[in-house]
N, C-alpha and C. Protein backbone atom coordinates (compact mmCIF):
# COMPACT_ATOMS: atom_id res chain seq x y z
N UNK A 1 73.49 135.33 122.77
CA UNK A 1 74.38 136.41 122.13
C UNK A 1 75.73 136.02 122.54
N UNK A 2 76.71 136.18 121.50
CA UNK A 2 78.10 135.95 121.86
C UNK A 2 78.48 134.56 121.87
N UNK A 3 77.46 133.56 122.01
CA UNK A 3 77.77 132.20 122.16
C UNK A 3 77.85 131.53 120.71
N UNK A 4 77.98 130.28 120.72
CA UNK A 4 77.94 129.56 119.42
C UNK A 4 76.46 129.53 118.78
N UNK A 5 76.51 129.47 117.51
CA UNK A 5 75.20 129.44 116.87
C UNK A 5 74.52 128.13 117.35
N UNK A 6 73.20 128.31 117.65
CA UNK A 6 72.47 127.06 118.11
C UNK A 6 72.28 125.99 117.03
N UNK A 7 72.33 126.45 115.79
CA UNK A 7 72.23 125.41 114.68
C UNK A 7 73.18 125.61 113.70
N UNK A 8 73.83 124.45 113.16
CA UNK A 8 74.55 124.52 111.99
C UNK A 8 74.23 123.45 110.93
N UNK A 9 74.10 123.84 109.81
CA UNK A 9 73.63 123.01 108.71
C UNK A 9 72.33 122.46 109.02
N UNK A 10 71.55 123.23 109.78
CA UNK A 10 70.15 122.68 110.19
C UNK A 10 70.20 121.74 111.22
N UNK A 11 71.24 121.53 111.98
CA UNK A 11 71.45 120.48 113.04
C UNK A 11 71.35 121.16 114.35
N UNK A 12 70.53 120.63 115.39
CA UNK A 12 70.54 121.18 116.70
C UNK A 12 71.79 121.11 117.34
N UNK A 13 72.10 122.09 118.11
CA UNK A 13 73.41 122.18 118.93
C UNK A 13 73.65 121.07 119.83
N UNK A 14 72.57 120.44 120.47
CA UNK A 14 72.69 119.23 121.39
C UNK A 14 73.14 118.09 120.55
N UNK A 15 72.46 118.00 119.23
CA UNK A 15 72.98 116.87 118.55
C UNK A 15 74.43 116.98 118.01
N UNK A 16 74.79 118.13 117.75
CA UNK A 16 76.29 118.37 117.28
C UNK A 16 77.13 117.94 118.51
N UNK A 17 76.83 118.35 119.75
CA UNK A 17 77.56 117.97 120.95
C UNK A 17 77.69 116.55 121.02
N UNK A 18 76.49 115.79 120.95
CA UNK A 18 76.55 114.30 120.96
C UNK A 18 77.39 113.72 119.92
N UNK A 19 77.23 114.31 118.72
CA UNK A 19 77.99 113.84 117.56
C UNK A 19 79.42 114.04 117.80
N UNK A 20 79.87 115.08 118.29
CA UNK A 20 81.27 115.31 118.51
C UNK A 20 81.76 114.36 119.53
N UNK A 21 81.11 113.98 120.52
CA UNK A 21 81.52 113.06 121.55
C UNK A 21 81.70 111.57 120.82
N UNK A 22 80.80 111.31 119.93
CA UNK A 22 80.87 110.06 119.24
C UNK A 22 82.00 110.02 118.34
N UNK A 23 82.23 111.07 117.51
CA UNK A 23 83.34 111.24 116.59
C UNK A 23 84.67 110.99 117.40
N UNK A 24 84.76 111.67 118.42
CA UNK A 24 86.12 111.71 119.18
C UNK A 24 86.32 110.19 119.75
N UNK A 25 85.24 109.48 120.19
CA UNK A 25 85.38 108.14 120.75
C UNK A 25 85.62 107.30 119.72
N UNK A 26 85.18 107.42 118.35
CA UNK A 26 85.40 106.59 117.18
C UNK A 26 86.91 106.73 116.82
N UNK A 27 87.42 108.05 116.79
CA UNK A 27 88.73 108.19 116.38
C UNK A 27 89.78 107.77 117.36
N UNK A 28 89.41 107.76 118.58
CA UNK A 28 90.34 107.26 119.64
C UNK A 28 90.39 105.70 119.77
N UNK A 29 89.33 105.11 119.30
CA UNK A 29 89.17 103.68 119.40
C UNK A 29 89.99 102.84 118.35
N UNK A 30 90.60 103.36 117.45
CA UNK A 30 91.32 102.62 116.31
C UNK A 30 92.43 103.48 115.74
N UNK A 31 93.49 102.92 115.29
CA UNK A 31 94.68 103.79 114.86
C UNK A 31 94.32 104.55 113.52
N UNK A 32 93.56 103.96 112.67
CA UNK A 32 93.11 104.80 111.47
C UNK A 32 91.61 104.77 111.43
N UNK A 33 91.09 106.01 111.28
CA UNK A 33 89.67 106.17 111.19
C UNK A 33 89.27 107.07 110.07
N UNK A 34 88.27 106.67 109.24
CA UNK A 34 87.87 107.44 108.17
C UNK A 34 86.22 107.73 108.21
N UNK A 35 85.93 109.02 108.29
CA UNK A 35 84.52 109.42 108.15
C UNK A 35 84.34 109.41 106.59
N UNK A 36 83.29 108.74 106.05
CA UNK A 36 83.22 108.44 104.61
C UNK A 36 81.69 108.60 104.29
N UNK A 37 81.47 108.40 103.02
CA UNK A 37 80.25 108.39 102.49
C UNK A 37 80.24 107.19 101.24
N UNK A 38 79.10 106.47 101.26
CA UNK A 38 79.35 105.27 100.28
C UNK A 38 79.46 105.71 98.89
N UNK A 39 78.86 106.79 98.41
CA UNK A 39 78.85 107.19 97.09
C UNK A 39 80.08 108.17 96.69
N UNK A 40 80.91 108.41 97.71
CA UNK A 40 82.00 109.33 97.45
C UNK A 40 83.17 108.79 96.79
N UNK A 41 83.64 109.11 95.62
CA UNK A 41 84.71 108.62 94.90
C UNK A 41 86.05 108.96 95.56
N UNK A 42 86.11 110.11 96.23
CA UNK A 42 87.43 110.45 96.98
C UNK A 42 87.61 109.63 98.18
N UNK A 43 86.35 109.23 98.89
CA UNK A 43 86.51 108.20 99.97
C UNK A 43 86.94 106.83 99.33
N UNK A 44 86.51 106.45 98.42
CA UNK A 44 86.82 105.14 97.78
C UNK A 44 88.32 105.06 97.51
N UNK A 45 88.80 106.28 96.97
CA UNK A 45 90.32 106.36 96.52
C UNK A 45 91.01 106.16 97.84
N UNK A 46 90.77 106.84 98.94
CA UNK A 46 91.55 106.74 100.09
C UNK A 46 91.53 105.38 100.68
N UNK A 47 90.36 104.69 100.67
CA UNK A 47 90.08 103.37 101.26
C UNK A 47 90.80 102.33 100.39
N UNK A 48 90.79 102.50 99.13
CA UNK A 48 91.58 101.63 98.14
C UNK A 48 93.05 101.73 98.40
N UNK A 49 93.61 103.07 98.72
CA UNK A 49 94.93 103.16 98.92
C UNK A 49 95.34 102.40 100.16
N UNK A 50 94.61 102.58 101.29
CA UNK A 50 94.88 101.92 102.55
C UNK A 50 94.90 100.45 102.31
N UNK A 51 93.97 100.00 101.47
CA UNK A 51 93.85 98.51 101.28
C UNK A 51 95.14 98.06 100.58
N UNK A 52 95.39 98.75 99.46
CA UNK A 52 96.65 98.38 98.79
C UNK A 52 97.97 98.33 99.66
N UNK A 53 97.96 99.28 100.68
CA UNK A 53 99.05 99.36 101.60
C UNK A 53 99.06 98.37 102.62
N UNK A 54 97.89 97.57 102.74
CA UNK A 54 97.81 96.61 103.77
C UNK A 54 97.40 97.32 105.18
N UNK A 55 96.90 98.42 105.09
CA UNK A 55 96.65 99.11 106.41
C UNK A 55 95.18 98.70 106.94
N UNK A 56 95.21 98.51 108.26
CA UNK A 56 94.00 98.26 108.97
C UNK A 56 93.30 99.59 109.23
N UNK A 57 92.07 99.69 108.98
CA UNK A 57 91.25 101.12 109.35
C UNK A 57 89.90 100.60 109.58
N UNK A 58 89.26 101.62 110.26
CA UNK A 58 87.76 101.60 110.45
C UNK A 58 87.10 102.88 109.74
N UNK A 59 85.93 102.67 109.30
CA UNK A 59 85.29 103.72 108.65
C UNK A 59 83.77 103.70 109.03
N UNK A 60 83.23 104.87 109.12
CA UNK A 60 81.84 104.98 109.22
C UNK A 60 81.35 105.75 107.95
N UNK A 61 80.25 105.38 107.50
CA UNK A 61 79.63 105.71 106.18
C UNK A 61 78.52 106.79 106.66
N UNK A 62 78.82 108.04 106.65
CA UNK A 62 77.90 108.98 107.17
C UNK A 62 76.54 109.10 106.56
N UNK A 63 76.43 108.62 105.31
CA UNK A 63 75.10 108.61 104.60
C UNK A 63 74.30 107.32 105.12
N UNK A 64 74.85 106.59 105.78
CA UNK A 64 74.03 105.47 106.34
C UNK A 64 73.74 105.63 107.97
N UNK A 65 74.33 106.80 108.43
CA UNK A 65 74.07 106.96 109.89
C UNK A 65 72.94 107.88 110.18
N UNK A 66 72.14 107.76 111.10
CA UNK A 66 71.11 108.70 111.39
C UNK A 66 71.52 109.97 111.78
N UNK A 67 72.59 109.95 112.40
CA UNK A 67 73.28 111.28 112.93
C UNK A 67 74.43 111.84 111.95
N UNK A 68 74.35 111.34 110.71
CA UNK A 68 75.48 111.66 109.87
C UNK A 68 75.62 113.12 109.58
N UNK A 69 74.53 113.90 109.48
CA UNK A 69 74.53 115.31 109.34
C UNK A 69 75.17 116.04 110.49
N UNK A 70 74.91 115.47 111.75
CA UNK A 70 75.24 116.13 112.90
C UNK A 70 76.88 115.87 113.14
N UNK A 71 77.33 114.51 112.66
CA UNK A 71 78.60 114.24 112.65
C UNK A 71 79.48 115.10 111.89
N UNK A 72 78.92 115.37 110.51
CA UNK A 72 79.76 116.29 109.69
C UNK A 72 79.76 117.76 110.33
N UNK A 73 78.73 118.15 111.03
CA UNK A 73 78.66 119.44 111.52
C UNK A 73 79.75 119.54 112.73
N UNK A 74 79.77 118.31 113.46
CA UNK A 74 80.76 118.30 114.55
C UNK A 74 82.26 118.25 114.09
N UNK A 75 82.36 117.54 112.95
CA UNK A 75 83.83 117.47 112.39
C UNK A 75 84.24 118.85 111.86
N UNK A 76 83.32 119.72 111.40
CA UNK A 76 83.61 120.96 111.00
C UNK A 76 84.10 121.80 111.91
N UNK A 77 83.52 121.65 113.19
CA UNK A 77 83.86 122.38 114.44
C UNK A 77 85.17 121.91 114.97
N UNK A 78 85.43 120.59 114.96
CA UNK A 78 86.56 119.91 115.52
C UNK A 78 87.76 120.19 114.62
N UNK A 79 87.66 120.00 113.43
CA UNK A 79 88.69 119.93 112.37
C UNK A 79 88.95 121.02 111.45
N UNK A 80 87.83 121.70 111.30
CA UNK A 80 87.70 122.79 110.29
C UNK A 80 87.46 122.23 108.98
N UNK A 81 87.19 120.99 108.85
CA UNK A 81 86.79 120.26 107.59
C UNK A 81 85.50 119.41 107.70
N UNK A 82 84.60 119.76 106.88
CA UNK A 82 83.33 119.17 106.90
C UNK A 82 83.15 117.97 105.87
N UNK A 83 83.96 118.08 104.77
CA UNK A 83 83.89 117.21 103.70
C UNK A 83 84.54 115.73 104.13
N UNK A 84 84.14 114.83 103.25
CA UNK A 84 84.59 113.44 103.32
C UNK A 84 85.34 113.09 102.23
N UNK A 85 86.47 112.30 102.32
CA UNK A 85 86.82 111.55 103.56
C UNK A 85 87.46 112.55 104.46
N UNK A 86 87.21 112.30 105.70
CA UNK A 86 88.00 112.98 106.80
C UNK A 86 88.83 111.98 107.64
N UNK A 87 89.98 112.02 107.51
CA UNK A 87 90.88 110.93 107.94
C UNK A 87 91.63 111.21 109.13
N UNK A 88 91.80 110.26 110.00
CA UNK A 88 92.61 110.44 111.26
C UNK A 88 93.44 109.35 111.39
N UNK A 89 94.82 109.53 111.64
CA UNK A 89 95.76 108.54 111.94
C UNK A 89 96.48 108.76 113.24
N UNK A 90 96.23 107.74 114.16
CA UNK A 90 96.90 107.89 115.52
C UNK A 90 96.19 108.93 116.22
N UNK A 91 94.84 109.16 115.93
CA UNK A 91 94.05 110.29 116.63
C UNK A 91 94.35 111.59 116.06
N UNK A 92 95.24 111.80 115.10
CA UNK A 92 95.61 113.08 114.50
C UNK A 92 94.83 113.27 113.23
N UNK A 93 94.26 114.36 113.09
CA UNK A 93 93.65 114.63 111.76
C UNK A 93 94.53 114.87 110.72
N UNK A 94 94.29 114.09 109.62
CA UNK A 94 95.22 114.12 108.45
C UNK A 94 94.58 115.01 107.44
N UNK A 95 93.26 114.95 107.20
CA UNK A 95 92.58 115.70 106.19
C UNK A 95 91.75 114.91 105.28
N UNK A 96 91.75 115.25 104.08
CA UNK A 96 90.77 114.65 103.10
C UNK A 96 91.71 113.79 101.97
N UNK A 97 91.06 113.46 100.92
CA UNK A 97 91.71 112.70 99.97
C UNK A 97 93.05 113.34 99.45
N UNK A 98 93.09 114.53 99.12
CA UNK A 98 94.22 115.26 98.53
C UNK A 98 95.33 115.22 99.65
N UNK A 99 95.04 115.51 100.87
CA UNK A 99 96.20 115.45 101.98
C UNK A 99 96.74 113.93 102.11
N UNK A 100 95.82 112.96 102.08
CA UNK A 100 96.28 111.67 102.26
C UNK A 100 97.19 111.22 101.07
N UNK A 101 96.65 111.65 99.86
CA UNK A 101 97.55 111.23 98.60
C UNK A 101 98.84 112.04 98.65
N UNK A 102 98.84 113.28 99.06
CA UNK A 102 100.08 113.99 99.18
C UNK A 102 101.00 113.35 100.05
N UNK A 103 100.56 112.88 101.24
CA UNK A 103 101.42 112.25 102.23
C UNK A 103 101.98 111.04 101.59
N UNK A 104 101.18 110.32 100.89
CA UNK A 104 101.66 109.16 100.22
C UNK A 104 102.80 109.41 99.19
N UNK A 105 102.58 110.41 98.36
CA UNK A 105 103.46 110.75 97.28
C UNK A 105 104.82 111.31 98.02
N UNK A 106 104.74 111.97 99.15
CA UNK A 106 105.91 112.41 99.85
C UNK A 106 106.62 111.40 100.71
N UNK A 107 106.05 110.14 100.63
CA UNK A 107 106.58 109.05 101.51
C UNK A 107 106.45 109.14 102.91
N UNK A 108 105.33 109.95 103.37
CA UNK A 108 105.06 110.14 104.75
C UNK A 108 103.99 109.32 105.36
N UNK A 109 103.01 108.70 104.51
CA UNK A 109 101.95 107.91 104.87
C UNK A 109 102.27 106.66 105.51
N UNK A 110 103.13 105.86 104.78
CA UNK A 110 103.42 104.56 105.26
C UNK A 110 104.14 104.61 106.70
N UNK A 111 104.99 105.48 106.92
CA UNK A 111 105.62 105.60 108.25
C UNK A 111 104.61 105.96 109.29
N UNK A 112 103.75 106.81 108.87
CA UNK A 112 102.62 107.09 109.89
C UNK A 112 101.78 105.88 110.20
N UNK A 113 101.60 105.17 109.20
CA UNK A 113 100.68 103.93 109.42
C UNK A 113 101.50 102.80 110.02
N UNK A 114 102.72 102.75 110.05
CA UNK A 114 103.55 101.86 110.72
C UNK A 114 103.66 102.29 112.16
N UNK A 115 103.87 103.57 112.40
CA UNK A 115 103.98 104.17 113.76
C UNK A 115 102.78 103.69 114.66
N UNK A 116 101.63 103.77 114.04
CA UNK A 116 100.40 103.42 114.88
C UNK A 116 99.90 101.94 114.73
N UNK A 117 100.90 101.24 114.06
CA UNK A 117 100.74 99.67 113.95
C UNK A 117 99.52 99.25 113.10
N UNK A 118 99.16 100.27 112.23
CA UNK A 118 98.13 99.98 111.22
C UNK A 118 98.66 99.06 110.01
N UNK A 119 99.97 99.16 109.76
CA UNK A 119 100.64 98.34 108.85
C UNK A 119 101.80 97.67 109.58
N UNK A 120 101.94 96.41 109.23
CA UNK A 120 103.13 95.72 109.78
C UNK A 120 104.08 95.47 108.62
N UNK A 121 105.31 95.86 108.87
CA UNK A 121 106.45 95.72 107.94
C UNK A 121 107.38 94.62 108.39
N UNK A 122 108.23 94.24 107.63
CA UNK A 122 109.09 93.13 108.11
C UNK A 122 109.98 93.52 109.23
N UNK A 123 110.31 94.79 109.38
CA UNK A 123 111.03 95.19 110.56
C UNK A 123 110.18 95.18 111.75
N UNK A 124 108.90 95.41 111.70
CA UNK A 124 107.90 95.40 112.87
C UNK A 124 107.32 94.10 113.26
N UNK A 125 107.52 93.20 112.20
CA UNK A 125 106.81 91.89 112.44
C UNK A 125 107.67 91.10 113.60
């Protein structure tokens, strides 16, 4: 009573806790990290944009992970966002496709990527 629900999205609480630890480790291990799914068009858009910008990133395809559902439940608790892509830059949660594209349109994405050394510009080379 009064505690967290023991299951979310049909996933055991212990599995969510382990998945949260894994997600936080993955995010902290690289400047740009994307939680993705292989069949997600929005995920592909974000990954293609980062490739076009020459940004180094790491991604995990949740539909290929045995704990993918638990990771999604953990992301919901951690970020308030369960959907993919779920993008982090410099350990900071950015959001999904719309948020990344908006930052790019506003000229904010490349400076963020440069700050975390995911993109090398002539000035930083």
